[in-house]
Amino acid sequence: MDQAVKSHLEGIKFGGVQRHRNVAVYPIFSEADGSPHYLTMKEAMAGGFLAVTEVSAGGAVPELKVINSASVAVLILDGEELAGAKQNRIVNTTILLRRQSETIIPVSCTEHGRWSYVSEHFDDSGHIAAHRVRGVTKQSVSACLKAGGRFDSDQGAVWDNVASVLEDCNVASNTGAMKDAFESRAKDIDEYLKKFTCLPGQKGLLVLIDGKVAGMDMVSLESACAALHPKLIKSYAMEALASRGADGQIVPEGAPQAFIAEALACTGKRFKSVGHGWDFRLEGRGLVGSALVYNKALIHAAFFRTTEAEKAGHMAGISRRRGFRG
């Protein structure tokens, strides 16, 4: 494991657990410094610095064009959703966009039933993919990187998991849009948002659903965590609603520390990022993760619980993938 990733994971400290229904959240704190300044996608779009469009008039499902006119870098997290243009998409991997740059980014469709313009530009949907959708994307992108060095996903698996979220949450969507699930269950999700607040100095979170660790995210800047926190909570809340687990699940003592120990035991490989830095793909028994490192600073890391059966399924998906292009 890269030393920057290792030292950041070892330096994590957890705040007191926050609970609501079948979810428990441990705030993550870290004294690690040295990160460059950057804006989140939400901040950059709100400031008018980021323009996202189809790559051409005809479009291409797995790619979008992003123009960053800001004088600083912009961080886009894996799973962040862009809504509009010919169909809604999520970003396949975390990217630190160079300042004043134009970049083609890898994405996956989260709206199976639409391929027609509703707007010229994309907007921030306000969501990060539901946890299971984000997880299957991370696993298949990692497998594709190892197989051919590309940040492609198993689009079929992404669509299947979006459909399962809609079904499990009893949401009907004319275009099979993940965004419709979030909007339909907005009142329930708001209850989670009220219970899980971002604390001063917080740089991430570790989440348990139904008494088991589902995953964790951490970023290098407190300001970035504050901007991303609501999206991350909604991502896990949507999974919690879909799982329909019982309230008040017991949180095993030492669960966060045990999960970090498992993350530290992961091995992996690095790939040149789409933007600044290196994209590390990490894997262990029952875990899949990724980390973006730039100038020896850990910009973002995420680890998700998985199973060997799921990994095998995603590898099979890579071998039968066709080009998903419009």
Protein backbone atom coordinates (compact mmCIF):
# COMPACT_ATOMS: atom_id res chain seq x y z
CA MET A 1 0.00 0.00 0.00
CA ASP A 2 1.20 3.53 -0.81
CA GLN A 3 2.78 5.24 2.18
CA ALA A 4 0.54 8.31 1.92
CA VAL A 5 -2.56 6.13 2.03
CA LYS A 6 -1.17 3.99 4.84
CA SER A 7 -0.17 6.92 7.05
CA HIS A 8 -3.53 8.64 6.62
CA LEU A 9 -5.46 5.48 7.50
CA GLU A 10 -3.25 4.89 10.53
CA GLY A 11 -3.85 8.46 11.69
CA ILE A 12 -7.65 8.27 11.63
CA LYS A 13 -9.52 9.08 14.82
CA PHE A 14 -13.22 8.42 15.27
CA GLY A 15 -15.78 10.67 16.89
CA GLY A 16 -18.74 9.49 18.91
CA VAL A 17 -21.27 7.35 17.08
CA GLN A 18 -24.41 8.99 15.68
CA ARG A 19 -27.47 6.79 15.15
CA HIS A 20 -30.81 6.87 13.37
CA ARG A 21 -33.04 3.90 12.64
CA ASN A 22 -30.86 1.18 11.03
CA VAL A 23 -27.80 3.39 10.40
CA ALA A 24 -24.83 4.29 12.60
CA VAL A 25 -22.23 6.88 11.56
CA TYR A 26 -18.77 7.44 13.02
CA PRO A 27 -17.27 10.84 12.11
CA ILE A 28 -13.66 10.61 10.92
CA PHE A 29 -10.99 13.07 12.00
CA SER A 30 -7.40 13.37 10.80
CA GLU A 31 -4.57 15.76 11.55
CA ALA A 32 -2.86 15.03 8.23
CA ASP A 33 -2.06 18.18 6.28
CA GLY A 34 -0.29 19.15 3.07
CA SER A 35 -3.27 18.89 0.75
CA PRO A 36 -3.61 21.47 -2.01
CA HIS A 37 -6.65 23.73 -1.97
CA TYR A 38 -9.51 22.71 -4.23
CA LEU A 39 -13.24 23.17 -4.69
CA THR A 40 -15.81 20.38 -4.67
CA MET A 41 -18.02 19.90 -7.72
CA LYS A 42 -20.93 21.45 -5.83
CA GLU A 43 -18.91 24.54 -4.93
CA ALA A 44 -17.46 24.94 -8.43
CA MET A 45 -20.86 24.66 -10.11
CA ALA A 46 -22.46 27.07 -7.64
CA GLY A 47 -19.69 29.55 -8.43
CA GLY A 48 -20.14 29.17 -12.18
CA PHE A 49 -16.66 27.67 -12.66
CA LEU A 50 -17.62 24.23 -13.97
CA ALA A 51 -19.40 23.37 -17.23
CA VAL A 52 -20.29 19.75 -18.04
CA THR A 53 -21.65 18.67 -21.42
CA GLU A 54 -21.91 15.67 -23.70
CA VAL A 55 -18.66 15.07 -25.59
CA SER A 56 -20.43 15.85 -28.88
CA ALA A 57 -23.91 16.57 -30.21
CA GLY A 58 -24.48 12.83 -30.61
CA GLY A 59 -23.06 12.06 -27.15
CA ALA A 60 -21.31 8.96 -25.85
CA VAL A 61 -22.69 7.11 -22.83
CA PRO A 62 -19.37 6.45 -21.03
CA GLU A 63 -17.83 9.93 -21.44
CA LEU A 64 -18.56 13.58 -20.66
CA LYS A 65 -16.65 16.81 -21.26
CA VAL A 66 -15.83 19.01 -18.25
CA ILE A 67 -14.44 22.54 -18.45
CA ASN A 68 -13.00 23.92 -15.22
CA SER A 69 -12.53 27.70 -15.47
CA ALA A 70 -11.59 28.09 -11.80
CA SER A 71 -8.11 29.20 -10.76
CA VAL A 72 -7.89 26.14 -8.47
CA ALA A 73 -8.40 22.41 -8.88
CA VAL A 74 -11.89 20.88 -8.57
CA LEU A 75 -12.61 17.55 -6.86
CA ILE A 76 -15.32 15.29 -8.28
CA LEU A 77 -16.04 12.22 -6.15
CA ASP A 78 -16.70 8.80 -7.61
CA GLY A 79 -20.46 8.26 -7.69
CA GLU A 80 -21.40 11.95 -7.86
CA GLU A 81 -24.36 12.30 -10.21
CA LEU A 82 -24.75 14.79 -13.05
CA ALA A 83 -28.31 15.36 -14.29
CA GLY A 84 -29.49 16.65 -17.66
CA ALA A 85 -28.33 16.57 -21.29
CA LYS A 86 -29.14 13.21 -22.92
CA GLN A 87 -29.24 11.09 -19.74
CA ASN A 88 -28.12 11.28 -16.12
CA ARG A 89 -24.63 9.91 -15.32
CA ILE A 90 -22.41 9.18 -12.34
CA VAL A 91 -18.64 9.71 -12.34
CA ASN A 92 -16.70 6.42 -12.40
CA THR A 93 -13.70 7.49 -10.33
CA THR A 94 -12.62 10.36 -8.10
CA ILE A 95 -10.95 13.09 -10.18
CA LEU A 96 -9.00 16.18 -9.15
CA LEU A 97 -9.50 18.37 -12.22
CA ARG A 98 -6.64 20.65 -13.16
CA ARG A 99 -7.33 24.36 -12.89
CA GLN A 100 -8.49 26.09 -16.09
CA SER A 101 -8.69 22.81 -17.98
CA GLU A 102 -10.86 20.76 -20.31
CA THR A 103 -11.12 17.06 -19.46
CA ILE A 104 -12.99 14.03 -20.82
CA ILE A 105 -14.18 12.06 -17.80
CA PRO A 106 -15.40 8.43 -17.53
CA VAL A 107 -19.03 8.04 -16.44
CA SER A 108 -21.86 5.52 -16.17
CA CYS A 109 -25.52 5.98 -17.01
CA THR A 110 -28.06 6.05 -14.15
CA GLU A 111 -31.10 6.63 -16.35
CA HIS A 112 -31.55 3.62 -18.59
CA GLY A 113 -34.69 4.75 -20.41
CA ARG A 114 -33.66 8.14 -21.82
CA TRP A 115 -31.31 9.17 -24.63
CA SER A 116 -32.59 12.62 -25.62
CA TYR A 117 -31.69 16.16 -24.64
CA VAL A 118 -33.51 17.89 -21.81
CA SER A 119 -30.79 20.55 -21.45
CA GLU A 120 -27.50 21.52 -23.08
CA HIS A 121 -25.48 21.34 -19.85
CA PHE A 122 -25.48 19.01 -16.87
CA ASP A 123 -26.31 20.17 -13.36
CA ASP A 124 -25.29 18.69 -10.02
CA SER A 125 -28.19 16.39 -9.11
CA GLY A 126 -27.32 16.80 -5.44
CA HIS A 127 -26.75 13.07 -5.06
CA ILE A 128 -23.98 10.52 -4.83
CA ALA A 129 -25.07 7.12 -6.16
CA ALA A 130 -26.93 4.86 -3.78
CA HIS A 131 -24.37 2.79 -1.91
CA ARG A 132 -24.95 -0.45 -3.84
CA VAL A 133 -24.72 1.38 -7.19
CA ARG A 134 -21.52 3.13 -6.13
CA GLY A 135 -20.10 -0.15 -4.86
CA VAL A 136 -20.74 -2.11 -8.05
CA THR A 137 -19.28 0.74 -10.09
CA LYS A 138 -16.11 0.84 -7.97
CA GLN A 139 -15.63 -2.91 -8.24
CA SER A 140 -16.14 -3.10 -12.00
CA VAL A 141 -13.97 -0.04 -12.71
CA SER A 142 -11.19 -1.59 -10.63
CA ALA A 143 -11.50 -4.83 -12.57
CA CYS A 144 -11.46 -2.99 -15.89
CA LEU A 145 -8.36 -1.00 -14.91
CA LYS A 146 -6.54 -4.21 -14.06
CA ALA A 147 -7.68 -5.88 -17.27
CA GLY A 148 -7.05 -3.05 -19.71
CA GLY A 149 -6.11 0.19 -17.99
CA ARG A 150 -9.42 1.92 -18.65
CA PHE A 151 -11.81 3.57 -16.17
CA ASP A 152 -14.85 1.81 -17.65
CA SER A 153 -17.65 0.27 -15.62
CA ASP A 154 -19.88 -2.73 -16.15
CA GLN A 155 -22.80 -0.60 -17.36
CA GLY A 156 -25.21 -3.53 -17.26
CA ALA A 157 -24.43 -4.13 -13.59
CA VAL A 158 -24.92 -0.42 -12.85
CA TRP A 159 -28.35 -0.46 -14.51
CA ASP A 160 -29.30 -3.65 -12.66
CA ASN A 161 -28.43 -2.09 -9.31
CA VAL A 162 -30.26 1.16 -10.08
CA ALA A 163 -33.30 -0.97 -10.95
CA SER A 164 -32.98 -2.89 -7.68
CA VAL A 165 -32.88 0.35 -5.67
CA LEU A 166 -36.04 1.58 -7.41
CA GLU A 167 -37.75 -1.76 -6.80
CA ASP A 168 -36.69 -2.12 -3.17
CA CYS A 169 -37.84 1.45 -2.43
CA ASN A 170 -41.15 0.93 -4.29
CA VAL A 171 -40.40 3.80 -6.68
CA ALA A 172 -41.73 3.89 -10.24
CA SER A 173 -39.59 5.75 -12.78
CA ASN A 174 -40.52 6.19 -16.44
CA THR A 175 -36.86 6.38 -17.44
CA GLY A 176 -35.36 4.10 -14.79
CA ALA A 177 -33.64 7.07 -13.18
CA MET A 178 -31.81 6.67 -9.86
CA LYS A 179 -32.56 10.35 -9.21
CA ASP A 180 -36.27 9.47 -9.01
CA ALA A 181 -35.60 7.14 -6.07
CA PHE A 182 -33.91 9.94 -4.12
CA GLU A 183 -36.66 12.42 -4.91
CA SER A 184 -39.46 9.99 -4.10
CA ARG A 185 -37.97 9.16 -0.69
CA ALA A 186 -36.76 12.70 0.05
CA LYS A 187 -38.86 13.03 3.22
CA ASP A 188 -37.40 9.84 4.70
CA ILE A 189 -33.88 10.80 3.67
CA ASP A 190 -34.28 14.23 5.30
CA GLU A 191 -34.76 12.47 8.64
CA TYR A 192 -31.32 10.89 8.27
CA LEU A 193 -29.81 14.24 7.29
CA LYS A 194 -31.16 15.84 10.45
CA LYS A 195 -29.65 13.15 12.67
CA PHE A 196 -26.21 12.95 11.06
CA THR A 197 -24.46 16.30 11.24
CA CYS A 198 -20.99 17.22 10.02
CA LEU A 199 -18.82 18.28 12.96
CA PRO A 200 -16.09 20.94 13.07
CA GLY A 201 -12.82 19.41 11.85
CA GLN A 202 -14.51 16.34 10.38
CA LYS A 203 -12.89 14.87 7.26
CA GLY A 204 -14.97 11.79 6.60
CA LEU A 205 -17.33 9.15 7.88
CA LEU A 206 -17.62 5.42 8.44
CA VAL A 207 -21.13 3.97 8.13
CA LEU A 208 -22.82 0.87 9.47
CA ILE A 209 -26.14 -0.33 8.01
CA ASP A 210 -28.11 -2.99 9.86
CA GLY A 211 -25.25 -3.38 12.34
CA LYS A 212 -22.54 -4.06 9.73
CA VAL A 213 -19.93 -1.71 8.30
CA ALA A 214 -20.97 -0.75 4.78
CA GLY A 215 -18.11 1.58 3.94
CA MET A 216 -16.18 4.75 4.59
CA ASP A 217 -15.05 7.94 2.84
CA MET A 218 -12.46 10.49 3.85
CA VAL A 219 -11.17 13.63 2.11
CA SER A 220 -8.18 15.86 2.78
CA LEU A 221 -10.01 19.13 3.46
CA GLU A 222 -12.51 19.95 6.20
CA SER A 223 -14.32 22.28 3.79
CA ALA A 224 -14.68 19.49 1.23
CA CYS A 225 -16.09 17.13 3.85
CA ALA A 226 -18.65 19.75 4.87
CA ALA A 227 -19.76 20.16 1.25
CA LEU A 228 -19.88 16.42 0.51
CA HIS A 229 -21.33 15.22 3.83
CA PRO A 230 -25.04 15.59 2.90
CA LYS A 231 -24.51 13.70 -0.36
CA LEU A 232 -22.67 10.87 1.38
CA ILE A 233 -25.33 10.58 4.07
CA LYS A 234 -28.06 10.43 1.40
CA SER A 235 -26.16 7.70 -0.45
CA TYR A 236 -26.07 5.48 2.65
CA ALA A 237 -29.60 6.48 3.70
CA MET A 238 -30.97 5.34 0.35
CA GLU A 239 -29.28 1.97 0.85
CA ALA A 240 -30.67 1.76 4.39
CA LEU A 241 -34.19 2.45 3.12
CA ALA A 242 -33.78 -0.14 0.37
CA SER A 243 -32.50 -2.76 2.81
CA ARG A 244 -35.58 -2.34 5.03
CA GLY A 245 -33.56 -3.42 8.04
CA ALA A 246 -34.87 -3.26 11.59
CA ASP A 247 -34.21 -0.15 13.67
CA GLY A 248 -31.80 -0.11 16.60
CA GLN A 249 -29.29 -2.68 15.37
CA ILE A 250 -26.43 -3.37 17.80
CA VAL A 251 -23.16 -1.69 16.80
CA PRO A 252 -20.31 -4.17 17.48
CA GLU A 253 -17.64 -2.76 19.78
CA GLY A 254 -14.47 -1.88 17.87
CA ALA A 255 -16.14 -2.22 14.46
CA PRO A 256 -14.60 0.98 12.99
CA GLN A 257 -11.09 0.07 14.13
CA ALA A 258 -11.46 -3.46 12.78
CA PHE A 259 -12.57 -2.10 9.41
CA ILE A 260 -9.55 0.22 9.21
CA ALA A 261 -7.28 -2.72 10.06
CA GLU A 262 -8.79 -4.61 7.12
CA ALA A 263 -8.31 -1.59 4.85
CA LEU A 264 -4.65 -1.38 5.88
CA ALA A 265 -4.21 -5.03 4.90
CA CYS A 266 -5.40 -4.36 1.34
CA THR A 267 -3.01 -4.60 -1.58
CA GLY A 268 -3.35 -2.99 -4.95
CA LYS A 269 -1.97 -1.19 -7.95
CA ARG A 270 -1.72 2.43 -9.01
CA PHE A 271 -2.93 3.98 -12.25
CA LYS A 272 -2.46 7.48 -13.64
CA SER A 273 -5.51 9.48 -12.70
CA VAL A 274 -7.75 11.20 -15.23
CA GLY A 275 -6.76 14.48 -13.54
CA HIS A 276 -4.03 15.25 -11.02
CA GLY A 277 -2.24 12.45 -9.20
CA TRP A 278 -2.44 8.68 -8.98
CA ASP A 279 -5.53 6.50 -8.64
CA PHE A 280 -4.80 3.53 -6.34
CA ARG A 281 -7.06 0.48 -6.62
CA LEU A 282 -7.06 -1.54 -3.40
CA GLU A 283 -8.46 -4.95 -2.59
CA GLY A 284 -8.62 -7.28 0.37
CA ARG A 285 -10.67 -10.15 1.61
CA GLY A 286 -14.18 -8.71 1.72
CA LEU A 287 -13.10 -5.17 0.82
CA VAL A 288 -12.66 -3.04 -2.28
CA GLY A 289 -11.24 0.46 -2.14
CA SER A 290 -9.70 3.33 -4.02
CA ALA A 291 -7.50 6.27 -3.12
CA LEU A 292 -6.49 9.41 -4.99
CA VAL A 293 -3.00 10.65 -4.10
CA TYR A 294 -1.49 13.90 -5.38
CA ASN A 295 1.91 15.28 -4.35
CA LYS A 296 2.08 12.69 -1.54
CA ALA A 297 -1.23 13.91 -0.08
CA LEU A 298 -4.25 11.63 0.18
CA ILE A 299 -7.04 13.63 -1.47
CA HIS A 300 -9.81 11.02 -1.16
CA ALA A 301 -10.11 7.42 -0.04
CA ALA A 302 -13.14 5.11 0.00
CA PHE A 303 -13.53 1.49 1.06
CA PHE A 304 -16.63 -0.69 0.71
CA ARG A 305 -17.56 -4.09 2.04
CA THR A 306 -17.96 -6.69 -0.70
CA THR A 307 -18.07 -10.46 -1.20
CA GLU A 308 -15.95 -12.82 -3.29
CA ALA A 309 -19.07 -13.81 -5.26
CA GLU A 310 -19.69 -10.17 -6.18
CA LYS A 311 -16.08 -9.72 -7.29
CA ALA A 312 -16.29 -12.83 -9.49
CA GLY A 313 -19.50 -11.55 -11.04
CA HIS A 314 -17.95 -8.19 -11.90
CA MET A 315 -14.88 -9.84 -13.46
CA ALA A 316 -17.22 -11.92 -15.61
CA GLY A 317 -19.00 -8.73 -16.60
CA ILE A 318 -15.70 -7.22 -17.76
CA SER A 319 -15.03 -10.17 -20.09
CA ARG A 320 -18.41 -9.86 -21.83
CA ARG A 321 -18.61 -6.05 -21.94
CA ARG A 322 -19.52 -4.36 -25.17
CA GLY A 323 -19.09 -0.65 -25.84
CA PHE A 324 -22.00 1.27 -24.31
CA ARG A 325 -22.04 4.22 -26.68
CA GLY A 326 -24.91 6.25 -28.00
